[in-house]
Amino acid sequence: MIRRLTIVGLGLLGGSLAKAARAESLAREIVAVGRRVGSLEPALADGAVDRITTDIAEGVAGADLVVLATPVATLEAQLPAVWRAAAEGALVTDVGSAKARIVRAAEALAAKRPLAFVGGHPMAGSNLAGYGVSRADLFRGALVILTPTERTSVDALKRASELWEAVGSRVMSLTPSLTTAPWPPSAISRISWPTPSWPRSPAWIPSSSTWPRAASRTPRGSPPPIP
């Protein structure tokens, strides 16, 4: 069980992950970080999270798993603060769609302070936004693409995979550069996506010569979960 799960950004994806983690009893404590207390209070009121804060350092401190669920530009700007505050041994992951730039930013920080980071891209969403439309089953049956690199440890990839599998998602890995160009959902649904079995080396990650480009969310919404 996760001792403390911190979710930065409690919109549709972050809120849905908090609700799913609570429903599946994945964490002893769930902490939500956001810009405004008012936007976080509904999650505290309905029991999806145990604690809320607008201070990234306070929210991330002591967490063993941190999920960044803010918009990509915001996420990149938040990474240095998250890196400074995260505990040794913590795993940081995200739900952003622009994987190559996020992973580059994370690896630049890791060169100065080693910390586990695994990029993530859930293929789930809605044309609506905000915590008010989040739901515990959003990720059930959906594909989640993880984007480890040669520096990613087997343990970090395993922990990230287990999080998404625990909320009902199917998981596969691609190199970050393969997640930059969109595919239509109909094309994705025709592919049989493998679910990792452990232990597995990062060498298993497909290369551009063996895998096509994966779909990414559009700014206004996301493809629905794949049937």
C-alpha atoms as a PDB file:
ATOM      1  CA  MET A   1       0.000   0.000   0.000  1.00  0.00           C
ATOM      2  CA  ILE A   2       1.133   3.539  -0.733  1.00  0.00           C
ATOM      3  CA  ARG A   3       1.811   5.359   2.505  1.00  0.00           C
ATOM      4  CA  ARG A   4       1.214   8.859   1.186  1.00  0.00           C
ATOM      5  CA  LEU A   5      -0.030   9.668  -2.315  1.00  0.00           C
ATOM      6  CA  THR A   6       0.208  13.303  -3.379  1.00  0.00           C
ATOM      7  CA  ILE A   7      -1.722  14.510  -6.407  1.00  0.00           C
ATOM      8  CA  VAL A   8      -0.777  17.923  -7.749  1.00  0.00           C
ATOM      9  CA  GLY A   9      -3.723  19.299  -9.692  1.00  0.00           C
ATOM     10  CA  LEU A  10      -7.221  18.118  -8.854  1.00  0.00           C
ATOM     11  CA  GLY A  11      -9.093  18.543 -12.117  1.00  0.00           C
ATOM     12  CA  LEU A  12     -10.722  15.784 -14.133  1.00  0.00           C
ATOM     13  CA  LEU A  13      -7.710  13.457 -14.210  1.00  0.00           C
ATOM     14  CA  GLY A  14      -6.250  14.270 -10.816  1.00  0.00           C
ATOM     15  CA  GLY A  15      -9.653  14.179  -9.157  1.00  0.00           C
ATOM     16  CA  SER A  16     -10.554  10.898 -10.821  1.00  0.00           C
ATOM     17  CA  LEU A  17      -7.271   9.352  -9.696  1.00  0.00           C
ATOM     18  CA  ALA A  18      -7.886  10.526  -6.123  1.00  0.00           C
ATOM     19  CA  LYS A  19     -11.385   8.996  -6.159  1.00  0.00           C
ATOM     20  CA  ALA A  20     -10.130   5.754  -7.693  1.00  0.00           C
ATOM     21  CA  ALA A  21      -7.266   5.495  -5.212  1.00  0.00           C
ATOM     22  CA  ARG A  22      -9.716   6.034  -2.362  1.00  0.00           C
ATOM     23  CA  ALA A  23     -12.206   3.501  -3.742  1.00  0.00           C
ATOM     24  CA  GLU A  24      -9.478   0.877  -4.105  1.00  0.00           C
ATOM     25  CA  SER A  25      -7.812   1.720  -0.759  1.00  0.00           C
ATOM     26  CA  LEU A  26      -4.476   2.260  -2.484  1.00  0.00           C
ATOM     27  CA  ALA A  27      -3.045   4.792  -0.028  1.00  0.00           C
ATOM     28  CA  ARG A  28      -3.178   5.397   3.707  1.00  0.00           C
ATOM     29  CA  GLU A  29      -3.182   9.138   3.056  1.00  0.00           C
ATOM     30  CA  ILE A  30      -4.061  11.126  -0.076  1.00  0.00           C
ATOM     31  CA  VAL A  31      -2.881  14.724  -0.290  1.00  0.00           C
ATOM     32  CA  ALA A  32      -4.132  17.181  -2.916  1.00  0.00           C
ATOM     33  CA  VAL A  33      -2.201  20.243  -4.043  1.00  0.00           C
ATOM     34  CA  GLY A  34      -3.816  23.048  -6.007  1.00  0.00           C
ATOM     35  CA  ARG A  35      -3.711  26.773  -6.655  1.00  0.00           C
ATOM     36  CA  ARG A  36      -6.843  27.648  -4.704  1.00  0.00           C
ATOM     37  CA  VAL A  37      -8.189  26.197  -1.485  1.00  0.00           C
ATOM     38  CA  GLY A  38     -11.722  26.651  -2.779  1.00  0.00           C
ATOM     39  CA  SER A  39     -11.103  24.308  -5.709  1.00  0.00           C
ATOM     40  CA  LEU A  40      -9.715  21.631  -3.366  1.00  0.00           C
ATOM     41  CA  GLU A  41     -12.350  21.756  -0.640  1.00  0.00           C
ATOM     42  CA  PRO A  42     -14.959  19.637  -2.491  1.00  0.00           C
ATOM     43  CA  ALA A  43     -12.511  16.714  -2.584  1.00  0.00           C
ATOM     44  CA  LEU A  44     -11.875  17.066   1.128  1.00  0.00           C
ATOM     45  CA  ALA A  45     -15.594  17.294   1.835  1.00  0.00           C
ATOM     46  CA  ASP A  46     -16.477  14.135  -0.076  1.00  0.00           C
ATOM     47  CA  GLY A  47     -13.585  12.151   1.371  1.00  0.00           C
ATOM     48  CA  ALA A  48     -11.563  11.674  -1.795  1.00  0.00           C
ATOM     49  CA  VAL A  49      -8.516  13.218  -0.098  1.00  0.00           C
ATOM     50  CA  ASP A  50      -7.322  13.508   3.473  1.00  0.00           C
ATOM     51  CA  ARG A  51      -5.475  16.795   3.281  1.00  0.00           C
ATOM     52  CA  ILE A  52      -5.312  19.793   0.956  1.00  0.00           C
ATOM     53  CA  THR A  53      -2.728  22.526   0.487  1.00  0.00           C
ATOM     54  CA  THR A  54      -1.738  25.234  -1.971  1.00  0.00           C
ATOM     55  CA  ASP A  55       1.939  24.804  -1.099  1.00  0.00           C
ATOM     56  CA  ILE A  56       3.746  22.307  -3.342  1.00  0.00           C
ATOM     57  CA  ALA A  57       6.606  21.755  -0.909  1.00  0.00           C
ATOM     58  CA  GLU A  58       4.196  21.040   1.939  1.00  0.00           C
ATOM     59  CA  GLY A  59       2.083  18.701  -0.157  1.00  0.00           C
ATOM     60  CA  VAL A  60       4.947  16.748  -1.675  1.00  0.00           C
ATOM     61  CA  ALA A  61       7.043  16.399   1.485  1.00  0.00           C
ATOM     62  CA  GLY A  62       6.965  12.866   2.825  1.00  0.00           C
ATOM     63  CA  ALA A  63       5.036  11.386  -0.102  1.00  0.00           C
ATOM     64  CA  ASP A  64       6.257   8.109  -1.514  1.00  0.00           C
ATOM     65  CA  LEU A  65       4.338   8.648  -4.760  1.00  0.00           C
ATOM     66  CA  VAL A  66       3.659  12.008  -6.427  1.00  0.00           C
ATOM     67  CA  VAL A  67       1.367  12.374  -9.451  1.00  0.00           C
ATOM     68  CA  LEU A  68       1.490  15.630 -11.388  1.00  0.00           C
ATOM     69  CA  ALA A  69      -1.905  16.264 -12.985  1.00  0.00           C
ATOM     70  CA  THR A  70      -1.697  19.907 -13.993  1.00  0.00           C
ATOM     71  CA  PRO A  71      -1.590  21.243 -17.599  1.00  0.00           C
ATOM     72  CA  VAL A  72       1.708  20.566 -19.362  1.00  0.00           C
ATOM     73  CA  ALA A  73       3.083  24.118 -19.202  1.00  0.00           C
ATOM     74  CA  THR A  74       2.205  24.356 -15.511  1.00  0.00           C
ATOM     75  CA  LEU A  75       3.605  20.903 -14.855  1.00  0.00           C
ATOM     76  CA  GLU A  76       6.983  21.786 -16.334  1.00  0.00           C
ATOM     77  CA  ALA A  77       7.146  24.932 -14.224  1.00  0.00           C
ATOM     78  CA  GLN A  78       6.284  22.933 -11.093  1.00  0.00           C
ATOM     79  CA  LEU A  79       8.884  20.200 -11.599  1.00  0.00           C
ATOM     80  CA  PRO A  80      11.809  21.998  -9.908  1.00  0.00           C
ATOM     81  CA  ALA A  81       9.751  22.673  -6.764  1.00  0.00           C
ATOM     82  CA  VAL A  82       8.523  19.077  -6.722  1.00  0.00           C
ATOM     83  CA  TRP A  83      12.081  17.809  -7.159  1.00  0.00           C
ATOM     84  CA  ARG A  84      13.354  19.880  -4.242  1.00  0.00           C
ATOM     85  CA  ALA A  85      10.553  18.787  -1.915  1.00  0.00           C
ATOM     86  CA  ALA A  86      10.263  15.094  -2.810  1.00  0.00           C
ATOM     87  CA  ALA A  87      11.629  12.586  -0.334  1.00  0.00           C
ATOM     88  CA  GLU A  88      14.488  10.246  -1.140  1.00  0.00           C
ATOM     89  CA  GLY A  89      12.986   7.140  -2.664  1.00  0.00           C
ATOM     90  CA  ALA A  90       9.852   8.898  -3.860  1.00  0.00           C
ATOM     91  CA  LEU A  91       8.451   8.139  -7.298  1.00  0.00           C
ATOM     92  CA  VAL A  92       7.236  11.060  -9.390  1.00  0.00           C
ATOM     93  CA  THR A  93       4.960  10.504 -12.367  1.00  0.00           C
ATOM     94  CA  ASP A  94       2.529  12.586 -14.376  1.00  0.00           C
ATOM     95  CA  VAL A  95      -0.471  12.533 -16.705  1.00  0.00           C
ATOM     96  CA  GLY A  96       0.730  15.110 -19.254  1.00  0.00           C
ATOM     97  CA  SER A  97       0.455  14.500 -22.986  1.00  0.00           C
ATOM     98  CA  ALA A  98       3.702  16.155 -24.195  1.00  0.00           C
ATOM     99  CA  LYS A  99       5.955  13.408 -22.954  1.00  0.00           C
ATOM    100  CA  ALA A 100       9.268  14.201 -24.623  1.00  0.00           C
ATOM    101  CA  ARG A 101       9.559  17.700 -23.158  1.00  0.00           C
ATOM    102  CA  ILE A 102       8.379  16.629 -19.700  1.00  0.00           C
ATOM    103  CA  VAL A 103      10.796  13.707 -19.571  1.00  0.00           C
ATOM    104  CA  ARG A 104      13.674  15.927 -20.745  1.00  0.00           C
ATOM    105  CA  ALA A 105      12.908  18.400 -17.967  1.00  0.00           C
ATOM    106  CA  ALA A 106      12.737  15.606 -15.383  1.00  0.00           C
ATOM    107  CA  GLU A 107      15.991  14.038 -16.522  1.00  0.00           C
ATOM    108  CA  ALA A 108      17.768  17.395 -16.375  1.00  0.00           C
ATOM    109  CA  LEU A 109      16.696  17.674 -12.743  1.00  0.00           C
ATOM    110  CA  ALA A 110      17.642  14.055 -12.053  1.00  0.00           C
ATOM    111  CA  ALA A 111      21.170  14.754 -13.274  1.00  0.00           C
ATOM    112  CA  LYS A 112      21.579  17.093 -10.295  1.00  0.00           C
ATOM    113  CA  ARG A 113      19.518  15.116  -7.792  1.00  0.00           C
ATOM    114  CA  PRO A 114      18.704  11.483  -8.625  1.00  0.00           C
ATOM    115  CA  LEU A 115      14.997  10.850  -8.197  1.00  0.00           C
ATOM    116  CA  ALA A 116      12.714   8.304  -9.836  1.00  0.00           C
ATOM    117  CA  PHE A 117      10.479   9.719 -12.568  1.00  0.00           C
ATOM    118  CA  VAL A 118       8.253   7.800 -14.982  1.00  0.00           C
ATOM    119  CA  GLY A 119       6.203   9.780 -17.486  1.00  0.00           C
ATOM    120  CA  GLY A 120       2.590   8.728 -17.911  1.00  0.00           C
ATOM    121  CA  HIS A 121      -0.145   9.426 -20.439  1.00  0.00           C
ATOM    122  CA  PRO A 122      -3.629   8.079 -19.582  1.00  0.00           C
ATOM    123  CA  MET A 123      -5.774   7.728 -22.678  1.00  0.00           C
ATOM    124  CA  ALA A 124      -8.888   8.749 -20.796  1.00  0.00           C
ATOM    125  CA  GLY A 125     -10.763  11.971 -20.356  1.00  0.00           C
ATOM    126  CA  SER A 126     -13.762  14.041 -21.330  1.00  0.00           C
ATOM    127  CA  ASN A 127     -14.709  17.206 -23.170  1.00  0.00           C
ATOM    128  CA  LEU A 128     -15.522  18.547 -19.706  1.00  0.00           C
ATOM    129  CA  ALA A 129     -13.012  19.664 -17.122  1.00  0.00           C
ATOM    130  CA  GLY A 130     -12.685  20.101 -13.383  1.00  0.00           C
ATOM    131  CA  TYR A 131     -13.050  18.097 -10.219  1.00  0.00           C
ATOM    132  CA  GLY A 132     -16.825  18.305 -10.452  1.00  0.00           C
ATOM    133  CA  VAL A 133     -16.891  15.910 -13.412  1.00  0.00           C
ATOM    134  CA  SER A 134     -14.203  13.542 -12.080  1.00  0.00           C
ATOM    135  CA  ARG A 135     -15.199   9.974 -11.310  1.00  0.00           C
ATOM    136  CA  ALA A 136     -13.630   6.920  -9.758  1.00  0.00           C
ATOM    137  CA  ASP A 137     -14.078   4.717 -12.828  1.00  0.00           C
ATOM    138  CA  LEU A 138     -12.559   7.099 -15.399  1.00  0.00           C
ATOM    139  CA  PHE A 139      -9.449   4.974 -15.891  1.00  0.00           C
ATOM    140  CA  ARG A 140     -11.133   1.576 -15.775  1.00  0.00           C
ATOM    141  CA  GLY A 141     -10.386  -0.225 -19.037  1.00  0.00           C
ATOM    142  CA  ALA A 142      -8.413   2.750 -20.375  1.00  0.00           C
ATOM    143  CA  LEU A 143      -4.937   2.544 -21.824  1.00  0.00           C
ATOM    144  CA  VAL A 144      -2.132   4.252 -19.916  1.00  0.00           C
ATOM    145  CA  ILE A 145       1.143   4.750 -21.749  1.00  0.00           C
ATOM    146  CA  LEU A 146       4.262   4.962 -19.602  1.00  0.00           C
ATOM    147  CA  THR A 147       7.415   6.509 -21.042  1.00  0.00           C
ATOM    148  CA  PRO A 148      10.510   5.166 -19.266  1.00  0.00           C
ATOM    149  CA  THR A 149      13.999   5.874 -20.571  1.00  0.00           C
ATOM    150  CA  GLU A 150      17.301   4.025 -20.343  1.00  0.00           C
ATOM    151  CA  ARG A 151      17.799   5.644 -16.927  1.00  0.00           C
ATOM    152  CA  THR A 152      14.509   4.331 -15.544  1.00  0.00           C
ATOM    153  CA  SER A 153      14.873   1.554 -13.003  1.00  0.00           C
ATOM    154  CA  VAL A 154      12.804  -1.595 -13.185  1.00  0.00           C
ATOM    155  CA  ASP A 155      11.444  -0.798  -9.724  1.00  0.00           C
ATOM    156  CA  ALA A 156      10.242   2.681 -10.736  1.00  0.00           C
ATOM    157  CA  LEU A 157       8.521   1.347 -13.848  1.00  0.00           C
ATOM    158  CA  LYS A 158       6.929  -1.427 -11.804  1.00  0.00           C
ATOM    159  CA  ARG A 159       5.588   1.016  -9.202  1.00  0.00           C
ATOM    160  CA  ALA A 160       4.123   3.312 -11.845  1.00  0.00           C
ATOM    161  CA  SER A 161       2.505   0.382 -13.643  1.00  0.00           C
ATOM    162  CA  GLU A 162       1.031  -1.000 -10.437  1.00  0.00           C
ATOM    163  CA  LEU A 163      -0.625   2.337  -9.667  1.00  0.00           C
ATOM    164  CA  TRP A 164      -2.499   2.411 -12.962  1.00  0.00           C
ATOM    165  CA  GLU A 165      -3.291  -1.288 -13.000  1.00  0.00           C
ATOM    166  CA  ALA A 166      -4.769  -0.924  -9.510  1.00  0.00           C
ATOM    167  CA  VAL A 167      -7.329   1.591 -10.814  1.00  0.00           C
ATOM    168  CA  GLY A 168      -8.297  -0.716 -13.680  1.00  0.00           C
ATOM    169  CA  SER A 169      -6.109   0.568 -16.514  1.00  0.00           C
ATOM    170  CA  ARG A 170      -4.195  -1.340 -19.149  1.00  0.00           C
ATOM    171  CA  VAL A 171      -0.538  -0.353 -19.245  1.00  0.00           C
ATOM    172  CA  MET A 172       2.128  -0.325 -21.926  1.00  0.00           C
ATOM    173  CA  SER A 173       5.468   1.417 -22.348  1.00  0.00           C
ATOM    174  CA  LEU A 174       6.791   3.571 -25.176  1.00  0.00           C
ATOM    175  CA  THR A 175       9.832   5.781 -25.482  1.00  0.00           C
ATOM    176  CA  PRO A 176       8.885   9.435 -24.844  1.00  0.00           C
ATOM    177  CA  SER A 177       9.441  10.523 -28.459  1.00  0.00           C
ATOM    178  CA  LEU A 178       6.764   8.110 -29.662  1.00  0.00           C
ATOM    179  CA  THR A 179       3.981   9.891 -27.796  1.00  0.00           C
ATOM    180  CA  THR A 180       4.212  13.242 -29.538  1.00  0.00           C
ATOM    181  CA  ALA A 181       1.956  12.796 -32.577  1.00  0.00           C
ATOM    182  CA  PRO A 182      -1.768  12.091 -32.291  1.00  0.00           C
ATOM    183  CA  TRP A 183      -3.547   9.065 -33.618  1.00  0.00           C
ATOM    184  CA  PRO A 184      -7.320   8.781 -33.916  1.00  0.00           C
ATOM    185  CA  PRO A 185      -8.911   6.631 -31.172  1.00  0.00           C
ATOM    186  CA  SER A 186     -10.154   4.193 -33.835  1.00  0.00           C
ATOM    187  CA  ALA A 187      -6.564   3.353 -34.759  1.00  0.00           C
ATOM    188  CA  ILE A 188      -5.577   2.839 -31.137  1.00  0.00           C
ATOM    189  CA  SER A 189      -8.499   0.486 -30.539  1.00  0.00           C
ATOM    190  CA  ARG A 190      -7.303  -1.876 -33.287  1.00  0.00           C
ATOM    191  CA  ILE A 191      -3.972  -2.488 -31.592  1.00  0.00           C
ATOM    192  CA  SER A 192      -3.439  -5.180 -28.986  1.00  0.00           C
ATOM    193  CA  TRP A 193      -1.596  -3.453 -26.152  1.00  0.00           C
ATOM    194  CA  PRO A 194       0.560  -5.650 -23.918  1.00  0.00           C
ATOM    195  CA  THR A 195       0.385  -5.397 -20.147  1.00  0.00           C
ATOM    196  CA  PRO A 196       3.813  -5.628 -18.504  1.00  0.00           C
ATOM    197  CA  SER A 197       4.688  -8.619 -16.372  1.00  0.00           C
ATOM    198  CA  TRP A 198       7.432  -8.263 -13.800  1.00  0.00           C
ATOM    199  CA  PRO A 199      10.354  -8.280 -13.466  1.00  0.00           C
ATOM    200  CA  ARG A 200      11.123  -6.564 -16.759  1.00  0.00           C
ATOM    201  CA  SER A 201      14.122  -4.584 -17.919  1.00  0.00           C
ATOM    202  CA  PRO A 202      13.773  -1.119 -19.465  1.00  0.00           C
ATOM    203  CA  ALA A 203      15.404  -2.702 -22.521  1.00  0.00           C
ATOM    204  CA  TRP A 204      11.915  -4.075 -23.268  1.00  0.00           C
ATOM    205  CA  ILE A 205      10.718  -0.571 -24.173  1.00  0.00           C
ATOM    206  CA  PRO A 206       9.748  -0.509 -27.880  1.00  0.00           C
ATOM    207  CA  SER A 207      11.740   1.678 -30.244  1.00  0.00           C
ATOM    208  CA  SER A 208      10.509   3.863 -33.087  1.00  0.00           C
ATOM    209  CA  SER A 209      11.358   1.094 -35.540  1.00  0.00           C
ATOM    210  CA  THR A 210       8.949  -1.337 -33.906  1.00  0.00           C
ATOM    211  CA  TRP A 211       6.077   0.814 -32.650  1.00  0.00           C
ATOM    212  CA  PRO A 212       3.967   3.484 -34.312  1.00  0.00           C
ATOM    213  CA  ARG A 213       3.325   6.813 -32.692  1.00  0.00           C
ATOM    214  CA  ALA A 214       0.784   6.756 -29.881  1.00  0.00           C
ATOM    215  CA  ALA A 215      -2.175   9.063 -29.535  1.00  0.00           C
ATOM    216  CA  SER A 216      -2.116  12.085 -27.279  1.00  0.00           C
ATOM    217  CA  ARG A 217      -4.908  14.054 -25.681  1.00  0.00           C
ATOM    218  CA  THR A 218      -6.035  17.198 -27.397  1.00  0.00           C
ATOM    219  CA  PRO A 219      -6.145  20.469 -25.436  1.00  0.00           C
ATOM    220  CA  ARG A 220      -9.951  20.404 -25.296  1.00  0.00           C
ATOM    221  CA  GLY A 221     -10.464  16.845 -24.209  1.00  0.00           C
ATOM    222  CA  SER A 222      -9.441  13.242 -24.525  1.00  0.00           C
ATOM    223  CA  PRO A 223     -10.485  10.144 -26.385  1.00  0.00           C
ATOM    224  CA  PRO A 224     -12.870   7.994 -24.342  1.00  0.00           C
ATOM    225  CA  PRO A 225     -11.545   4.816 -22.723  1.00  0.00           C
ATOM    226  CA  ILE A 226     -10.844   2.114 -25.273  1.00  0.00           C
ATOM    227  CA  PRO A 227     -13.510  -0.630 -25.226  1.00  0.00           C
END
